[in-house]
C-alpha atoms as a PDB file:
ATOM      1  CA  MET A   1     -85.896 -53.149 163.531  1.00  0.00           C
ATOM      2  CA  LEU A   2     -82.876 -54.019 161.389  1.00  0.00           C
ATOM      3  CA  TYR A   3     -83.471 -50.822 159.413  1.00  0.00           C
ATOM      4  CA  TRP A   4     -82.985 -48.717 162.537  1.00  0.00           C
ATOM      5  CA  LEU A   5     -80.054 -50.787 163.769  1.00  0.00           C
ATOM      6  CA  LEU A   6     -78.026 -51.086 160.573  1.00  0.00           C
ATOM      7  CA  TYR A   7     -78.952 -48.230 158.236  1.00  0.00           C
ATOM      8  CA  PRO A   8     -77.342 -45.569 160.492  1.00  0.00           C
ATOM      9  CA  LEU A   9     -74.067 -47.454 160.000  1.00  0.00           C
ATOM     10  CA  ALA A  10     -74.197 -46.856 156.217  1.00  0.00           C
ATOM     11  CA  SER A  11     -71.762 -43.935 156.554  1.00  0.00           C
ATOM     12  CA  LYS A  12     -69.145 -46.377 157.823  1.00  0.00           C
ATOM     13  CA  VAL A  13     -70.223 -49.522 155.966  1.00  0.00           C
ATOM     14  CA  PRO A  14     -71.647 -48.513 152.547  1.00  0.00           C
ATOM     15  CA  ALA A  15     -73.225 -51.940 152.082  1.00  0.00           C
ATOM     16  CA  PHE A  16     -75.806 -51.073 154.751  1.00  0.00           C
ATOM     17  CA  ASN A  17     -77.181 -48.391 152.446  1.00  0.00           C
ATOM     18  CA  VAL A  18     -79.402 -51.073 150.865  1.00  0.00           C
ATOM     19  CA  PHE A  19     -81.632 -50.885 153.943  1.00  0.00           C
ATOM     20  CA  ARG A  20     -83.006 -47.565 152.754  1.00  0.00           C
ATOM     21  CA  TYR A  21     -84.646 -49.275 149.775  1.00  0.00           C
ATOM     22  CA  ILE A  22     -88.159 -50.570 150.366  1.00  0.00           C
ATOM     23  CA  THR A  23     -87.742 -53.099 147.559  1.00  0.00           C
ATOM     24  CA  PHE A  24     -84.774 -54.705 149.343  1.00  0.00           C
ATOM     25  CA  ARG A  25     -86.526 -54.882 152.699  1.00  0.00           C
ATOM     26  CA  THR A  26     -89.700 -56.217 151.070  1.00  0.00           C
ATOM     27  CA  ALA A  27     -87.754 -59.033 149.419  1.00  0.00           C
ATOM     28  CA  MET A  28     -85.941 -59.832 152.655  1.00  0.00           C
ATOM     29  CA  ALA A  29     -89.222 -59.836 154.595  1.00  0.00           C
ATOM     30  CA  ALA A  30     -90.570 -62.391 152.133  1.00  0.00           C
ATOM     31  CA  VAL A  31     -87.458 -64.555 152.468  1.00  0.00           C
ATOM     32  CA  THR A  32     -87.533 -64.285 156.263  1.00  0.00           C
ATOM     33  CA  ALA A  33     -91.191 -65.313 156.497  1.00  0.00           C
ATOM     34  CA  LEU A  34     -90.559 -68.219 154.123  1.00  0.00           C
ATOM     35  CA  VAL A  35     -87.545 -69.460 156.099  1.00  0.00           C
ATOM     36  CA  VAL A  36     -89.393 -69.177 159.424  1.00  0.00           C
ATOM     37  CA  SER A  37     -92.370 -71.113 158.034  1.00  0.00           C
ATOM     38  CA  LEU A  38     -90.180 -73.874 156.601  1.00  0.00           C
ATOM     39  CA  ALA A  39     -88.027 -74.095 159.722  1.00  0.00           C
ATOM     40  CA  LEU A  40     -90.843 -74.218 162.269  1.00  0.00           C
ATOM     41  CA  GLY A  41     -93.538 -75.924 160.185  1.00  0.00           C
ATOM     42  CA  PRO A  42     -92.580 -79.585 160.755  1.00  0.00           C
ATOM     43  CA  ALA A  43     -92.108 -79.087 164.505  1.00  0.00           C
ATOM     44  CA  MET A  44     -95.450 -77.315 164.810  1.00  0.00           C
ATOM     45  CA  ILE A  45     -97.247 -80.091 162.930  1.00  0.00           C
ATOM     46  CA  ARG A  46     -95.751 -82.668 165.312  1.00  0.00           C
ATOM     47  CA  VAL A  47     -96.888 -80.642 168.332  1.00  0.00           C
ATOM     48  CA  LEU A  48    -100.409 -80.265 166.957  1.00  0.00           C
ATOM     49  CA  LYS A  49    -100.621 -84.016 166.302  1.00  0.00           C
ATOM     50  CA  ARG A  50     -99.289 -84.813 169.766  1.00  0.00           C
ATOM     51  CA  PHE A  51    -101.970 -82.700 171.429  1.00  0.00           C
ATOM     52  CA  GLN A  52    -104.615 -83.948 168.975  1.00  0.00           C
ATOM     53  CA  VAL A  53    -105.386 -80.479 167.631  1.00  0.00           C
ATOM     54  CA  ALA A  54    -107.205 -81.874 164.624  1.00  0.00           C
ATOM     55  CA  GLN A  55    -109.787 -80.738 162.106  1.00  0.00           C
ATOM     56  CA  SER A  56    -113.350 -82.034 162.346  1.00  0.00           C
ATOM     57  CA  ILE A  57    -115.156 -82.575 159.046  1.00  0.00           C
ATOM     58  CA  ARG A  58    -118.753 -81.508 158.463  1.00  0.00           C
ATOM     59  CA  ALA A  59    -120.986 -84.490 157.727  1.00  0.00           C
ATOM     60  CA  GLU A  60    -122.919 -82.625 155.014  1.00  0.00           C
ATOM     61  CA  GLY A  61    -119.741 -81.886 153.049  1.00  0.00           C
ATOM     62  CA  PRO A  62    -118.266 -83.928 150.176  1.00  0.00           C
ATOM     63  CA  LYS A  63    -117.609 -87.542 151.127  1.00  0.00           C
ATOM     64  CA  THR A  64    -114.055 -87.238 149.854  1.00  0.00           C
ATOM     65  CA  HIS A  65    -113.368 -84.737 152.667  1.00  0.00           C
ATOM     66  CA  LEU A  66    -114.117 -87.321 155.362  1.00  0.00           C
ATOM     67  CA  ALA A  67    -110.683 -88.845 154.807  1.00  0.00           C
ATOM     68  CA  LYS A  68    -109.168 -85.551 155.962  1.00  0.00           C
ATOM     69  CA  ALA A  69    -110.576 -85.857 159.473  1.00  0.00           C
ATOM     70  CA  GLY A  70    -107.761 -85.557 161.975  1.00  0.00           C
ATOM     71  CA  THR A  71    -105.675 -83.188 159.846  1.00  0.00           C
ATOM     72  CA  PRO A  72    -103.840 -80.764 162.183  1.00  0.00           C
ATOM     73  CA  THR A  73    -105.521 -77.375 162.406  1.00  0.00           C
ATOM     74  CA  MET A  74    -104.459 -73.980 163.831  1.00  0.00           C
ATOM     75  CA  GLY A  75    -101.618 -73.857 161.326  1.00  0.00           C
ATOM     76  CA  GLY A  76    -102.520 -70.196 160.868  1.00  0.00           C
ATOM     77  CA  LEU A  77    -100.611 -69.483 164.081  1.00  0.00           C
ATOM     78  CA  LEU A  78     -97.390 -70.265 162.243  1.00  0.00           C
ATOM     79  CA  ILE A  79     -98.348 -67.950 159.387  1.00  0.00           C
ATOM     80  CA  LEU A  80     -99.172 -65.148 161.827  1.00  0.00           C
ATOM     81  CA  PHE A  81     -95.890 -65.608 163.689  1.00  0.00           C
ATOM     82  CA  ALA A  82     -93.835 -65.681 160.487  1.00  0.00           C
ATOM     83  CA  VAL A  83     -95.493 -62.526 159.114  1.00  0.00           C
ATOM     84  CA  LEU A  84     -95.269 -60.605 162.389  1.00  0.00           C
ATOM     85  CA  LEU A  85     -91.618 -61.524 162.943  1.00  0.00           C
ATOM     86  CA  ALA A  86     -90.532 -60.792 159.377  1.00  0.00           C
ATOM     87  CA  THR A  87     -92.375 -57.471 159.282  1.00  0.00           C
ATOM     88  CA  LEU A  88     -90.997 -56.301 162.621  1.00  0.00           C
ATOM     89  CA  LEU A  89     -87.463 -57.195 161.543  1.00  0.00           C
ATOM     90  CA  TRP A  90     -87.536 -55.299 158.249  1.00  0.00           C
ATOM     91  CA  MET A  91     -90.082 -52.480 158.664  1.00  0.00           C
ATOM     92  CA  ASP A  92     -89.483 -48.840 159.505  1.00  0.00           C
ATOM     93  CA  LEU A  93     -90.698 -49.028 163.118  1.00  0.00           C
ATOM     94  CA  PRO A  94     -92.307 -45.548 163.424  1.00  0.00           C
ATOM     95  CA  ASN A  95     -94.489 -46.161 160.358  1.00  0.00           C
ATOM     96  CA  ARG A  96     -98.065 -46.159 161.630  1.00  0.00           C
ATOM     97  CA  PHE A  97     -99.546 -47.676 158.484  1.00  0.00           C
ATOM     98  CA  VAL A  98     -97.646 -50.906 159.066  1.00  0.00           C
ATOM     99  CA  TRP A  99     -98.621 -51.021 162.732  1.00  0.00           C
ATOM    100  CA  ILE A 100    -102.270 -50.705 161.713  1.00  0.00           C
ATOM    101  CA  ALA A 101    -101.804 -53.542 159.230  1.00  0.00           C
ATOM    102  CA  LEU A 102    -100.151 -55.708 161.893  1.00  0.00           C
ATOM    103  CA  GLY A 103    -102.934 -54.890 164.343  1.00  0.00           C
ATOM    104  CA  THR A 104    -105.539 -55.871 161.770  1.00  0.00           C
ATOM    105  CA  LEU A 105    -103.764 -59.164 161.108  1.00  0.00           C
ATOM    106  CA  ALA A 106    -103.534 -59.887 164.827  1.00  0.00           C
ATOM    107  CA  GLY A 107    -107.208 -58.989 165.315  1.00  0.00           C
ATOM    108  CA  VAL A 108    -108.593 -61.263 162.616  1.00  0.00           C
ATOM    109  CA  GLY A 109    -106.101 -63.929 163.684  1.00  0.00           C
ATOM    110  CA  ALA A 110    -107.432 -63.800 167.249  1.00  0.00           C
ATOM    111  CA  VAL A 111    -110.982 -64.358 166.012  1.00  0.00           C
ATOM    112  CA  GLY A 112    -109.773 -67.241 163.855  1.00  0.00           C
ATOM    113  CA  PHE A 113    -107.933 -68.770 166.798  1.00  0.00           C
ATOM    114  CA  ALA A 114    -111.055 -68.556 168.960  1.00  0.00           C
ATOM    115  CA  ASP A 115    -113.069 -70.226 166.192  1.00  0.00           C
ATOM    116  CA  ASP A 116    -110.579 -73.093 165.866  1.00  0.00           C
ATOM    117  CA  PHE A 117    -110.288 -73.404 169.650  1.00  0.00           C
ATOM    118  CA  VAL A 118    -114.031 -73.991 169.948  1.00  0.00           C
ATOM    119  CA  LYS A 119    -113.894 -76.601 167.188  1.00  0.00           C
ATOM    120  CA  VAL A 120    -111.007 -78.468 168.803  1.00  0.00           C
ATOM    121  CA  THR A 121    -112.220 -78.381 172.396  1.00  0.00           C
ATOM    122  CA  ARG A 122    -115.770 -79.350 171.517  1.00  0.00           C
ATOM    123  CA  ARG A 123    -114.755 -81.823 168.808  1.00  0.00           C
ATOM    124  CA  ARG A 124    -117.134 -80.430 166.217  1.00  0.00           C
ATOM    125  CA  SER A 125    -116.877 -78.876 162.765  1.00  0.00           C
ATOM    126  CA  LEU A 126    -118.676 -75.673 163.779  1.00  0.00           C
ATOM    127  CA  GLY A 127    -116.779 -73.108 165.814  1.00  0.00           C
ATOM    128  CA  LEU A 128    -118.072 -69.699 166.854  1.00  0.00           C
ATOM    129  CA  SER A 129    -121.624 -68.748 165.974  1.00  0.00           C
ATOM    130  CA  GLY A 130    -122.281 -66.172 163.282  1.00  0.00           C
ATOM    131  CA  ARG A 131    -122.832 -63.473 165.885  1.00  0.00           C
ATOM    132  CA  GLY A 132    -119.826 -64.708 167.866  1.00  0.00           C
ATOM    133  CA  LYS A 133    -117.657 -64.036 164.828  1.00  0.00           C
ATOM    134  CA  LEU A 134    -119.218 -60.907 163.397  1.00  0.00           C
ATOM    135  CA  VAL A 135    -119.384 -58.878 166.616  1.00  0.00           C
ATOM    136  CA  PRO A 136    -115.647 -59.033 167.435  1.00  0.00           C
ATOM    137  CA  GLN A 137    -114.787 -58.708 163.755  1.00  0.00           C
ATOM    138  CA  PHE A 138    -116.769 -55.492 163.365  1.00  0.00           C
ATOM    139  CA  LEU A 139    -115.454 -54.085 166.657  1.00  0.00           C
ATOM    140  CA  MET A 140    -111.918 -54.715 165.454  1.00  0.00           C
ATOM    141  CA  ALA A 141    -112.698 -53.359 161.983  1.00  0.00           C
ATOM    142  CA  PHE A 142    -114.160 -50.104 163.316  1.00  0.00           C
ATOM    143  CA  ALA A 143    -111.069 -49.729 165.521  1.00  0.00           C
ATOM    144  CA  VAL A 144    -108.913 -50.131 162.410  1.00  0.00           C
ATOM    145  CA  ALA A 145    -110.976 -47.566 160.509  1.00  0.00           C
ATOM    146  CA  TRP A 146    -110.704 -45.132 163.428  1.00  0.00           C
ATOM    147  CA  ALA A 147    -106.929 -45.641 163.548  1.00  0.00           C
ATOM    148  CA  ILE A 148    -106.620 -44.911 159.830  1.00  0.00           C
ATOM    149  CA  GLU A 149    -108.504 -41.641 160.214  1.00  0.00           C
ATOM    150  CA  HIS A 150    -107.206 -40.401 163.559  1.00  0.00           C
ATOM    151  CA  TRP A 151    -103.857 -42.094 164.188  1.00  0.00           C
ATOM    152  CA  ALA A 152    -102.171 -42.758 160.848  1.00  0.00           C
ATOM    153  CA  GLY A 153    -101.822 -39.038 160.222  1.00  0.00           C
ATOM    154  CA  HIS A 154    -104.319 -36.471 158.980  1.00  0.00           C
ATOM    155  CA  ALA A 155    -101.985 -35.495 156.134  1.00  0.00           C
ATOM    156  CA  ALA A 156    -102.337 -38.998 154.730  1.00  0.00           C
ATOM    157  CA  PHE A 157    -106.064 -39.428 155.364  1.00  0.00           C
ATOM    158  CA  SER A 158    -108.628 -38.985 152.629  1.00  0.00           C
ATOM    159  CA  THR A 159    -112.169 -40.242 152.230  1.00  0.00           C
ATOM    160  CA  VAL A 160    -111.690 -40.418 148.461  1.00  0.00           C
ATOM    161  CA  VAL A 161    -111.577 -43.940 147.025  1.00  0.00           C
ATOM    162  CA  THR A 162    -109.573 -44.456 143.842  1.00  0.00           C
ATOM    163  CA  PHE A 163    -109.694 -47.347 141.389  1.00  0.00           C
ATOM    164  CA  PRO A 164    -106.593 -48.893 139.772  1.00  0.00           C
ATOM    165  CA  PHE A 165    -106.218 -48.136 136.057  1.00  0.00           C
ATOM    166  CA  LEU A 166    -109.193 -45.740 136.136  1.00  0.00           C
ATOM    167  CA  LYS A 167    -107.426 -42.435 136.722  1.00  0.00           C
ATOM    168  CA  LYS A 168    -110.474 -40.193 136.655  1.00  0.00           C
ATOM    169  CA  LEU A 169    -112.841 -42.361 138.677  1.00  0.00           C
ATOM    170  CA  LEU A 170    -112.782 -40.881 142.178  1.00  0.00           C
ATOM    171  CA  VAL A 171    -115.495 -41.458 144.768  1.00  0.00           C
ATOM    172  CA  ASP A 172    -115.601 -39.389 147.949  1.00  0.00           C
ATOM    173  CA  LEU A 173    -117.350 -41.503 150.592  1.00  0.00           C
ATOM    174  CA  GLY A 174    -117.354 -38.768 153.228  1.00  0.00           C
ATOM    175  CA  ILE A 175    -118.989 -39.970 156.450  1.00  0.00           C
ATOM    176  CA  PHE A 176    -119.456 -43.426 154.919  1.00  0.00           C
ATOM    177  CA  TYR A 177    -115.696 -44.000 154.708  1.00  0.00           C
ATOM    178  CA  ILE A 178    -115.301 -45.634 158.134  1.00  0.00           C
ATOM    179  CA  PRO A 179    -118.282 -48.024 157.659  1.00  0.00           C
ATOM    180  CA  PHE A 180    -116.851 -48.843 154.223  1.00  0.00           C
ATOM    181  CA  VAL A 181    -113.439 -49.696 155.701  1.00  0.00           C
ATOM    182  CA  ALA A 182    -115.066 -51.846 158.391  1.00  0.00           C
ATOM    183  CA  LEU A 183    -117.139 -53.694 155.795  1.00  0.00           C
ATOM    184  CA  VAL A 184    -114.082 -54.346 153.623  1.00  0.00           C
ATOM    185  CA  VAL A 185    -112.061 -55.701 156.566  1.00  0.00           C
ATOM    186  CA  VAL A 186    -114.840 -57.998 157.805  1.00  0.00           C
ATOM    187  CA  GLY A 187    -115.787 -59.107 154.294  1.00  0.00           C
ATOM    188  CA  SER A 188    -112.193 -59.881 153.365  1.00  0.00           C
ATOM    189  CA  SER A 189    -111.620 -61.834 156.569  1.00  0.00           C
ATOM    190  CA  ASN A 190    -114.691 -64.003 156.034  1.00  0.00           C
ATOM    191  CA  ALA A 191    -113.922 -64.428 152.338  1.00  0.00           C
ATOM    192  CA  VAL A 192    -110.529 -65.886 153.255  1.00  0.00           C
ATOM    193  CA  ASN A 193    -112.171 -68.157 155.812  1.00  0.00           C
ATOM    194  CA  LEU A 194    -114.732 -69.432 153.298  1.00  0.00           C
ATOM    195  CA  THR A 195    -112.075 -69.969 150.641  1.00  0.00           C
ATOM    196  CA  ASP A 196    -109.919 -71.912 153.073  1.00  0.00           C
ATOM    197  CA  GLY A 197    -112.884 -74.033 154.065  1.00  0.00           C
ATOM    198  CA  LEU A 198    -113.299 -75.271 150.491  1.00  0.00           C
ATOM    199  CA  ASP A 199    -110.027 -77.220 150.654  1.00  0.00           C
ATOM    200  CA  GLY A 200    -107.250 -75.181 152.179  1.00  0.00           C
ATOM    201  CA  LEU A 201    -107.108 -72.917 149.122  1.00  0.00           C
ATOM    202  CA  ALA A 202    -106.858 -69.618 150.966  1.00  0.00           C
ATOM    203  CA  ILE A 203    -103.087 -69.433 151.196  1.00  0.00           C
ATOM    204  CA  GLY A 204    -102.653 -69.276 147.407  1.00  0.00           C
ATOM    205  CA  ALA A 205    -105.260 -66.541 147.073  1.00  0.00           C
ATOM    206  CA  VAL A 206    -103.666 -64.617 149.964  1.00  0.00           C
ATOM    207  CA  GLY A 207    -100.251 -64.814 148.295  1.00  0.00           C
ATOM    208  CA  ILE A 208    -101.587 -63.392 145.028  1.00  0.00           C
ATOM    209  CA  ALA A 209    -103.588 -60.651 146.756  1.00  0.00           C
ATOM    210  CA  ALA A 210    -100.691 -59.706 149.039  1.00  0.00           C
ATOM    211  CA  GLY A 211     -98.325 -59.431 146.077  1.00  0.00           C
ATOM    212  CA  THR A 212    -100.788 -57.176 144.257  1.00  0.00           C
ATOM    213  CA  TYR A 213    -101.352 -54.959 147.289  1.00  0.00           C
ATOM    214  CA  GLY A 214     -97.595 -54.800 147.802  1.00  0.00           C
ATOM    215  CA  ILE A 215     -97.173 -53.345 144.321  1.00  0.00           C
ATOM    216  CA  LEU A 216     -99.999 -50.864 144.888  1.00  0.00           C
ATOM    217  CA  ALA A 217     -98.519 -49.807 148.231  1.00  0.00           C
ATOM    218  CA  TYR A 218     -95.102 -49.250 146.711  1.00  0.00           C
ATOM    219  CA  VAL A 219     -96.542 -47.253 143.805  1.00  0.00           C
ATOM    220  CA  THR A 220     -98.613 -44.958 146.034  1.00  0.00           C
ATOM    221  CA  GLY A 221     -95.575 -44.383 148.240  1.00  0.00           C
ATOM    222  CA  ASN A 222     -93.306 -43.421 145.334  1.00  0.00           C
ATOM    223  CA  ALA A 223     -93.774 -39.773 144.336  1.00  0.00           C
ATOM    224  CA  VAL A 224     -92.480 -40.183 140.783  1.00  0.00           C
ATOM    225  CA  THR A 225     -94.509 -43.300 139.974  1.00  0.00           C
ATOM    226  CA  ALA A 226     -97.659 -41.975 141.643  1.00  0.00           C
ATOM    227  CA  ARG A 227     -97.442 -38.725 139.699  1.00  0.00           C
ATOM    228  CA  TYR A 228     -96.908 -40.599 136.423  1.00  0.00           C
ATOM    229  CA  LEU A 229     -99.895 -42.884 137.036  1.00  0.00           C
ATOM    230  CA  GLN A 230    -101.981 -39.973 138.347  1.00  0.00           C
ATOM    231  CA  ILE A 231    -102.837 -41.697 141.614  1.00  0.00           C
ATOM    232  CA  PRO A 232    -102.753 -40.228 145.134  1.00  0.00           C
ATOM    233  CA  TYR A 233     -99.281 -40.053 146.637  1.00  0.00           C
ATOM    234  CA  ILE A 234     -99.037 -41.025 150.318  1.00  0.00           C
ATOM    235  CA  ALA A 235     -95.471 -40.705 151.528  1.00  0.00           C
ATOM    236  CA  GLN A 236     -95.562 -43.395 154.222  1.00  0.00           C
ATOM    237  CA  SER A 237     -97.743 -45.971 152.466  1.00  0.00           C
ATOM    238  CA  GLY A 238     -94.869 -47.536 150.545  1.00  0.00           C
ATOM    239  CA  GLU A 239     -93.672 -49.181 153.740  1.00  0.00           C
ATOM    240  CA  LEU A 240     -96.756 -51.424 153.601  1.00  0.00           C
ATOM    241  CA  ALA A 241     -94.978 -53.298 150.811  1.00  0.00           C
ATOM    242  CA  VAL A 242     -92.732 -54.825 153.506  1.00  0.00           C
ATOM    243  CA  PHE A 243     -95.782 -56.231 155.296  1.00  0.00           C
ATOM    244  CA  CYS A 244     -97.184 -57.551 152.015  1.00  0.00           C
ATOM    245  CA  GLY A 245     -93.827 -59.127 151.191  1.00  0.00           C
ATOM    246  CA  ALA A 246     -93.902 -60.992 154.505  1.00  0.00           C
ATOM    247  CA  LEU A 247     -97.401 -62.254 153.658  1.00  0.00           C
ATOM    248  CA  VAL A 248     -96.214 -63.510 150.290  1.00  0.00           C
ATOM    249  CA  GLY A 249     -93.247 -65.283 151.861  1.00  0.00           C
ATOM    250  CA  ALA A 250     -95.434 -66.989 154.461  1.00  0.00           C
ATOM    251  CA  ALA A 251     -97.904 -67.992 151.745  1.00  0.00           C
ATOM    252  CA  LEU A 252     -95.155 -69.707 149.771  1.00  0.00           C
END
């Protein structure tokens, strides 16, 4: 949003020329998400405590975890809000890759909210059933895969999967590309959920992964760097670094 509002003024105010750089907007997205999280975090925790939105602990888990009963849950709402706000402020709005990423985040976040809502309202450690989670997750994931193929832009779409640091290893998945994307989205979502369930460790792993994906997105969106590293160049994919930067900032 700020890119479209301020960058056109660069001809009159040269300082606004920095908005054309993805690296600048990525850094600012990270700072924005961090500031939003720090500013709203304490107030949100107080609200969650006031309405007794607390975590229930599974009886079969470690005994040391029983002391954590009553810890406010649904804190992921703050992370989602911080990432969405920061990304919308600093992204190039017409970029469809970022909108797909935001839609994916909102989709998995909605399933997570429903899971926590069941836990809180029923005062139990188990939320949605396995089928209750997997069905909406796969529906959302197939929608994401369809959007990548049909909406992101045919010029950018390829069923070929590349591997970092292995320049000559290329695998064309063909008709299996969409199921592969769906499986990756659902698997990643549940992996984060399982990691978080161990002891709230997910946010650190998300920060590291988001930073790595941010670098990969920037590299694939930079023609010179992509050509040097012999990886596919996708003109609009670099903008995903802004979204990843917001994730890193929220994770901090």
